[in-house]
Amino acid sequence: MEPTSTHHRGLHRFAIVLVCCVILLISAGALVTSTESGLSVPDWPLSYGSLNPPSWWTISTVRAEHGHRLIAGTVATLTVILAVWIGVRENRRWVRRLAYLAVATVLSQALLGGLTVLFFLPTPVSVAHASLAEVFLCLTVTLAVVTSRWWRRAEGEPATVPGARRLFDVARVTTGLVFFQIFLGAVMRHSGAGLAIPDFPLVFGGLIPPAFDFPIAIHYSHRLGALAVTAAVVVTLVRALRLPSAAAGLRAVAVGLATLVAIQISLGAAVVLTGKAVVPNTAHVATGATILATSLLLTLGSWRSARAAVPSSAGAVRDPAFEGTGAQSASRATAQPNPSGGG
């Protein structure tokens, strides 16, 4: 049975719920690291030999680690449900493949999480686990966006918003910088370099460390990355505010992105000044994930708004986003007749 091509509100809302759960999962993982609870449950995939050890919630470190596992299991289940739902209801082949990739990613993420426990938190595996979580977040955000009514309507009636292409050009760079900054942060956290530079906003009382080793270098790189991300977000915001009133949604997302970055800088300062207190440390990671999701949302939205229909040689309107679906055939069927031909 061929999947239908209409918009499904329930599927889209389910995808949004999944995105929220993924951010919650990343936050729970940050709590595990912040409280140094990664080995509080020493076995995997079971927890103390069972699926749900008795009174696990009474010990704070076990509560953090086992709670993280329960949320991870829930997210994996929701991802499989979404992929099956998309496989049945979605007519765009690339969207179905994206959903299946999300399932493969969350399963790989679970495996990496298990390896971090079984091999006693090796830094490369822990960093890979944290980084893949952000890739998975990007996949779920994309699925939530492309299943929205707005995206489907934009596919059916391609139109170019003035200035959207320029916004897309800077937004995609910003998203890349945010992802790399999160990667640097993961290396810093899991290598124990979070307090390698103990003061803020200065660096050992100056602007450049007087000496470098790996912890200082990665911490300093993370601070420089924060400056790069902030500059990119400012440029992105300026581009978005220049859009016409018809693109008010994109402008609002850009303002939200800039607001989140301002909060994130404050949280980063609090992490250092409080000696990596649990609350600001965990919130810093959670806000970073939210910034990545917001930046990707802006990137996808500006790309879709900048996308114009491309006339084909047959006179039909061709949109590459339709390729691999029945939409291209429908477009050809509705193409205007050749003026030189018969009626």
Protein backbone atom coordinates (compact mmCIF):
# COMPACT_ATOMS: atom_id res chain seq x y z
CA MET A 1 0.00 0.00 0.00
CA GLU A 2 1.48 3.37 -1.03
CA PRO A 3 1.70 5.88 1.85
CA THR A 4 -0.57 8.87 1.59
CA SER A 5 0.73 12.37 0.84
CA THR A 6 -1.47 14.49 3.10
CA HIS A 7 -0.25 16.29 6.21
CA HIS A 8 -0.78 14.38 9.45
CA ARG A 9 -1.11 16.65 12.45
CA GLY A 10 -0.76 13.82 14.95
CA LEU A 11 2.47 12.57 13.40
CA HIS A 12 3.95 16.06 13.42
CA ARG A 13 3.01 16.61 17.06
CA PHE A 14 4.45 13.24 17.99
CA ALA A 15 7.72 14.27 16.34
CA ILE A 16 7.75 17.49 18.40
CA VAL A 17 7.23 15.47 21.59
CA LEU A 18 10.17 13.28 20.58
CA VAL A 19 12.40 16.35 20.15
CA CYS A 20 11.49 17.52 23.66
CA CYS A 21 12.24 14.05 25.03
CA VAL A 22 15.64 14.02 23.30
CA ILE A 23 16.56 17.34 24.92
CA LEU A 24 15.40 15.89 28.26
CA LEU A 25 17.60 12.84 27.60
CA ILE A 26 20.63 15.01 26.87
CA SER A 27 19.92 16.95 30.07
CA ALA A 28 19.73 13.69 32.03
CA GLY A 29 23.06 12.62 30.55
CA ALA A 30 24.55 15.94 31.58
CA LEU A 31 23.29 15.36 35.11
CA VAL A 32 25.05 11.98 35.16
CA THR A 33 28.33 13.65 34.22
CA SER A 34 27.82 16.61 36.55
CA THR A 35 27.22 14.32 39.53
CA GLU A 36 29.93 11.85 38.45
CA SER A 37 27.34 9.07 38.44
CA GLY A 38 28.48 7.31 35.28
CA LEU A 39 29.64 4.15 37.08
CA SER A 40 27.04 4.14 39.85
CA VAL A 41 25.34 1.29 37.97
CA PRO A 42 28.27 -0.93 36.97
CA ASP A 43 26.53 -3.35 34.59
CA TRP A 44 24.79 -2.94 31.23
CA PRO A 45 22.26 -3.42 29.63
CA LEU A 46 20.74 -4.44 32.96
CA SER A 47 20.99 -2.40 36.15
CA TYR A 48 22.28 -4.50 39.03
CA GLY A 49 21.08 -7.55 37.17
CA SER A 50 17.49 -6.35 36.62
CA LEU A 51 15.50 -4.02 34.44
CA ASN A 52 14.48 -1.86 37.37
CA PRO A 53 16.45 -2.45 40.59
CA PRO A 54 14.46 -1.98 43.81
CA SER A 55 14.71 1.39 45.57
CA TRP A 56 16.95 2.78 42.82
CA TRP A 57 15.51 6.26 43.35
CA THR A 58 16.72 6.44 46.98
CA ILE A 59 20.42 6.83 46.05
CA SER A 60 21.15 10.07 44.18
CA THR A 61 23.89 8.74 41.90
CA VAL A 62 21.95 5.58 41.02
CA ARG A 63 18.86 7.71 40.48
CA ALA A 64 20.76 9.87 38.00
CA GLU A 65 22.29 6.97 36.05
CA HIS A 66 19.33 4.58 36.04
CA GLY A 67 16.93 7.46 35.40
CA HIS A 68 19.03 8.35 32.37
CA ARG A 69 18.71 4.78 31.14
CA LEU A 70 14.93 4.78 31.60
CA ILE A 71 14.60 8.02 29.62
CA ALA A 72 16.90 6.60 26.93
CA GLY A 73 14.72 3.50 26.63
CA THR A 74 11.62 5.66 26.32
CA VAL A 75 13.23 7.81 23.62
CA ALA A 76 14.32 4.73 21.67
CA THR A 77 10.78 3.33 21.83
CA LEU A 78 9.26 6.63 20.69
CA THR A 79 11.76 6.81 17.82
CA VAL A 80 10.79 3.36 16.57
CA ILE A 81 7.09 4.28 16.79
CA LEU A 82 7.71 7.48 14.83
CA ALA A 83 9.68 5.62 12.16
CA VAL A 84 6.92 3.02 11.74
CA TRP A 85 4.30 5.78 11.60
CA ILE A 86 6.28 7.69 9.00
CA GLY A 87 6.88 4.50 7.03
CA VAL A 88 3.14 3.90 6.81
CA ARG A 89 1.87 7.45 6.29
CA GLU A 90 4.67 9.35 4.55
CA ASN A 91 4.98 9.44 0.75
CA ARG A 92 8.39 11.14 0.58
CA ARG A 93 11.09 8.51 0.35
CA TRP A 94 13.80 10.77 1.80
CA VAL A 95 11.70 11.46 4.90
CA ARG A 96 11.17 7.75 5.45
CA ARG A 97 14.89 7.13 5.12
CA LEU A 98 15.60 9.94 7.58
CA ALA A 99 13.28 8.29 10.10
CA TYR A 100 15.02 4.94 9.67
CA LEU A 101 18.38 6.67 10.10
CA ALA A 102 17.11 8.14 13.37
CA VAL A 103 16.34 4.63 14.61
CA ALA A 104 19.82 3.42 13.66
CA THR A 105 21.34 6.44 15.39
CA VAL A 106 19.48 6.00 18.67
CA LEU A 107 20.42 2.32 18.77
CA SER A 108 24.06 3.20 18.12
CA GLN A 109 23.80 5.79 20.86
CA ALA A 110 22.54 3.16 23.28
CA LEU A 111 25.46 0.91 22.39
CA LEU A 112 27.96 3.72 22.99
CA GLY A 113 26.30 4.43 26.32
CA GLY A 114 26.77 0.80 27.30
CA LEU A 115 30.42 0.84 26.24
CA THR A 116 31.11 3.87 28.41
CA VAL A 117 30.02 1.83 31.42
CA LEU A 118 31.63 -1.49 30.48
CA PHE A 119 34.98 0.16 29.71
CA PHE A 120 34.90 2.53 32.71
CA LEU A 121 34.20 5.85 30.99
CA PRO A 122 36.98 6.06 28.36
CA THR A 123 37.15 9.65 27.10
CA PRO A 124 36.90 8.89 23.34
CA VAL A 125 33.79 6.72 23.82
CA SER A 126 32.20 9.22 26.20
CA VAL A 127 32.82 12.08 23.76
CA ALA A 128 31.41 10.01 20.88
CA HIS A 129 28.37 9.22 23.03
CA ALA A 130 27.79 12.92 23.76
CA SER A 131 28.36 13.98 20.14
CA LEU A 132 26.12 11.33 18.62
CA ALA A 133 23.35 12.50 20.96
CA GLU A 134 23.50 15.90 19.24
CA VAL A 135 23.40 14.26 15.79
CA PHE A 136 20.32 12.34 16.89
CA LEU A 137 18.76 15.58 18.12
CA CYS A 138 19.34 17.15 14.70
CA LEU A 139 17.65 14.19 12.99
CA THR A 140 14.56 14.44 15.20
CA VAL A 141 14.35 18.22 14.76
CA THR A 142 14.50 17.76 10.99
CA LEU A 143 11.72 15.15 11.11
CA ALA A 144 9.57 17.48 13.19
CA VAL A 145 10.09 20.33 10.73
CA VAL A 146 9.52 18.43 7.49
CA THR A 147 6.32 16.82 8.79
CA SER A 148 4.78 20.20 9.62
CA ARG A 149 1.87 21.68 7.69
CA TRP A 150 3.96 24.75 6.84
CA TRP A 151 6.71 22.68 5.21
CA ARG A 152 4.24 20.65 3.14
CA ARG A 153 2.39 23.78 2.06
CA ALA A 154 5.70 25.38 1.06
CA GLU A 155 6.52 22.31 -1.02
CA GLY A 156 3.19 22.54 -2.80
CA GLU A 157 3.52 26.27 -3.51
CA PRO A 158 7.24 27.07 -3.78
CA ALA A 159 7.96 30.75 -3.25
CA THR A 160 11.03 32.79 -2.46
CA VAL A 161 11.09 35.12 0.57
CA PRO A 162 13.42 38.07 -0.18
CA GLY A 163 16.57 37.76 1.90
CA ALA A 164 15.90 34.16 2.96
CA ARG A 165 18.80 32.83 0.91
CA ARG A 166 21.25 35.15 2.65
CA LEU A 167 19.84 34.11 6.00
CA PHE A 168 20.25 30.46 5.09
CA ASP A 169 23.89 31.03 4.12
CA VAL A 170 24.77 32.40 7.56
CA ALA A 171 22.39 30.16 9.53
CA ARG A 172 23.96 26.97 8.25
CA VAL A 173 27.43 28.23 9.20
CA THR A 174 26.08 29.14 12.63
CA THR A 175 24.63 25.66 13.07
CA GLY A 176 27.95 24.08 12.12
CA LEU A 177 29.80 26.29 14.60
CA VAL A 178 27.32 25.44 17.35
CA PHE A 179 27.76 21.73 16.75
CA PHE A 180 31.56 22.02 16.81
CA GLN A 181 31.36 24.10 19.99
CA ILE A 182 29.28 21.38 21.64
CA PHE A 183 31.87 18.82 20.54
CA LEU A 184 34.64 20.89 22.16
CA GLY A 185 32.52 21.14 25.29
CA ALA A 186 32.11 17.34 25.35
CA VAL A 187 35.87 16.85 25.07
CA MET A 188 36.39 19.38 27.86
CA ARG A 189 33.83 17.79 30.19
CA HIS A 190 34.88 14.19 29.67
CA SER A 191 38.62 14.90 29.85
CA GLY A 192 38.27 16.73 33.17
CA ALA A 193 39.26 20.13 31.75
CA GLY A 194 36.22 22.04 32.95
CA LEU A 195 38.22 24.04 35.49
CA ALA A 196 41.57 24.01 33.70
CA ILE A 197 41.16 27.79 33.49
CA PRO A 198 39.75 28.76 36.90
CA ASP A 199 38.82 32.41 36.28
CA PHE A 200 36.28 34.18 34.06
CA PRO A 201 36.06 36.25 31.88
CA LEU A 202 39.85 36.56 31.99
CA VAL A 203 42.25 33.68 31.49
CA PHE A 204 44.72 33.40 34.37
CA GLY A 205 44.29 37.15 34.76
CA GLY A 206 44.93 37.94 31.10
CA LEU A 207 43.63 37.19 27.61
CA ILE A 208 45.91 34.28 26.70
CA PRO A 209 47.09 31.45 28.96
CA PRO A 210 50.75 31.84 29.97
CA ALA A 211 51.34 28.14 29.22
CA PHE A 212 49.46 25.36 27.46
CA ASP A 213 48.80 21.71 28.11
CA PHE A 214 45.90 19.64 26.76
CA PRO A 215 43.32 20.60 29.45
CA ILE A 216 44.13 24.31 29.14
CA ALA A 217 44.19 24.15 25.34
CA ILE A 218 40.79 22.46 25.04
CA HIS A 219 39.24 24.76 27.64
CA TYR A 220 40.65 27.85 25.93
CA SER A 221 39.47 26.56 22.53
CA HIS A 222 35.97 26.19 23.98
CA ARG A 223 36.02 29.81 25.12
CA LEU A 224 37.22 30.99 21.71
CA GLY A 225 34.49 28.87 20.16
CA ALA A 226 31.94 30.67 22.31
CA LEU A 227 33.11 33.97 20.84
CA ALA A 228 32.83 32.59 17.30
CA VAL A 229 29.32 31.27 17.92
CA THR A 230 28.23 34.57 19.47
CA ALA A 231 29.52 36.53 16.47
CA ALA A 232 27.79 34.15 14.06
CA VAL A 233 24.51 34.39 15.95
CA VAL A 234 24.67 38.20 15.89
CA VAL A 235 25.18 38.15 12.10
CA THR A 236 22.32 35.64 11.78
CA LEU A 237 20.05 37.83 13.88
CA VAL A 238 20.82 40.90 11.78
CA ARG A 239 20.05 38.96 8.59
CA ALA A 240 16.78 37.68 10.04
CA LEU A 241 15.61 41.10 11.20
CA ARG A 242 16.02 42.38 7.65
CA LEU A 243 13.45 39.90 6.34
CA PRO A 244 9.99 41.20 5.34
CA SER A 245 7.07 40.99 7.73
CA ALA A 246 5.86 37.85 5.94
CA ALA A 247 8.83 36.03 7.52
CA ALA A 248 7.94 37.00 11.10
CA GLY A 249 8.32 33.38 12.18
CA LEU A 250 11.95 33.22 11.07
CA ARG A 251 12.69 36.51 12.78
CA ALA A 252 11.16 35.23 16.02
CA VAL A 253 13.30 32.08 15.89
CA ALA A 254 16.43 34.21 15.36
CA VAL A 255 15.57 36.38 18.36
CA GLY A 256 15.04 33.24 20.42
CA LEU A 257 18.41 31.91 19.28
CA ALA A 258 20.19 35.09 20.33
CA THR A 259 18.43 35.02 23.70
CA LEU A 260 19.50 31.43 24.31
CA VAL A 261 23.13 32.28 23.49
CA ALA A 262 23.07 35.13 26.02
CA ILE A 263 21.75 32.71 28.65
CA GLN A 264 24.36 30.15 27.67
CA ILE A 265 27.22 32.60 28.17
CA SER A 266 25.93 33.36 31.66
CA LEU A 267 25.68 29.65 32.44
CA GLY A 268 29.21 29.06 31.17
CA ALA A 269 30.48 31.76 33.48
CA ALA A 270 28.53 30.23 36.37
CA VAL A 271 30.06 26.80 35.70
CA VAL A 272 33.56 28.21 36.19
CA LEU A 273 32.80 30.60 39.03
CA THR A 274 30.88 27.97 41.05
CA GLY A 275 33.50 25.26 40.53
CA LYS A 276 31.22 23.21 38.24
CA ALA A 277 28.15 23.23 40.47
CA VAL A 278 25.63 20.63 39.37
CA VAL A 279 22.77 22.96 38.39
CA PRO A 280 24.63 25.41 36.10
CA ASN A 281 26.78 22.59 34.71
CA THR A 282 23.75 20.54 33.71
CA ALA A 283 21.80 23.56 32.48
CA HIS A 284 24.77 24.61 30.34
CA VAL A 285 24.64 21.32 28.41
CA ALA A 286 20.85 21.38 28.10
CA THR A 287 20.87 24.96 26.80
CA GLY A 288 23.60 24.07 24.31
CA ALA A 289 21.39 21.33 22.88
CA THR A 290 18.45 23.74 22.70
CA ILE A 291 20.64 26.27 20.86
CA LEU A 292 21.62 23.62 18.32
CA ALA A 293 17.98 22.65 17.78
CA THR A 294 16.94 26.29 17.39
CA SER A 295 19.77 27.09 14.98
CA LEU A 296 18.91 24.05 12.87
CA LEU A 297 15.24 25.07 12.89
CA LEU A 298 16.23 28.49 11.56
CA THR A 299 18.48 26.91 8.93
CA LEU A 300 15.77 24.58 7.66
CA GLY A 301 13.14 27.31 7.72
CA SER A 302 15.28 29.79 5.78
CA TRP A 303 16.24 27.10 3.26
CA ARG A 304 12.60 26.25 2.66
CA SER A 305 11.65 29.93 2.40
CA ALA A 306 14.44 30.57 -0.11
CA ARG A 307 13.49 27.62 -2.28
CA ALA A 308 11.92 28.61 -5.59
CA ALA A 309 10.34 26.29 -8.10
CA VAL A 310 12.67 25.26 -10.91
CA PRO A 311 11.10 25.08 -14.39
CA SER A 312 11.88 21.81 -16.13
CA SER A 313 12.45 21.38 -19.86
CA ALA A 314 8.92 20.08 -20.21
CA GLY A 315 7.47 23.25 -18.76
CA ALA A 316 6.51 21.69 -15.44
CA VAL A 317 7.53 23.13 -12.12
CA ARG A 318 10.09 20.85 -10.54
CA ASP A 319 11.13 21.02 -6.89
CA PRO A 320 14.04 18.68 -6.03
CA ALA A 321 12.53 18.10 -2.58
CA PHE A 322 9.79 16.09 -4.33
CA GLU A 323 12.12 13.74 -6.14
CA GLY A 324 11.59 10.13 -5.24
CA THR A 325 7.87 10.67 -4.57
CA GLY A 326 4.72 10.80 -6.59
CA ALA A 327 4.70 14.60 -6.40
CA GLN A 328 6.95 15.05 -9.42
CA SER A 329 4.60 13.02 -11.55
CA ALA A 330 1.69 15.11 -10.33
CA SER A 331 3.64 18.25 -11.23
CA ARG A 332 4.16 17.00 -14.77
CA ALA A 333 0.51 16.14 -15.09
CA THR A 334 -0.50 19.68 -14.25
CA ALA A 335 2.09 21.36 -16.50
CA GLN A 336 0.80 23.94 -18.97
CA PRO A 337 0.46 22.70 -22.58
CA ASN A 338 3.02 23.74 -25.17
CA PRO A 339 1.74 26.95 -26.79
CA SER A 340 2.84 25.69 -30.21
CA GLY A 341 0.87 22.48 -29.88
CA GLY A 342 -2.79 21.67 -30.16
CA GLY A 343 -5.45 22.58 -27.59
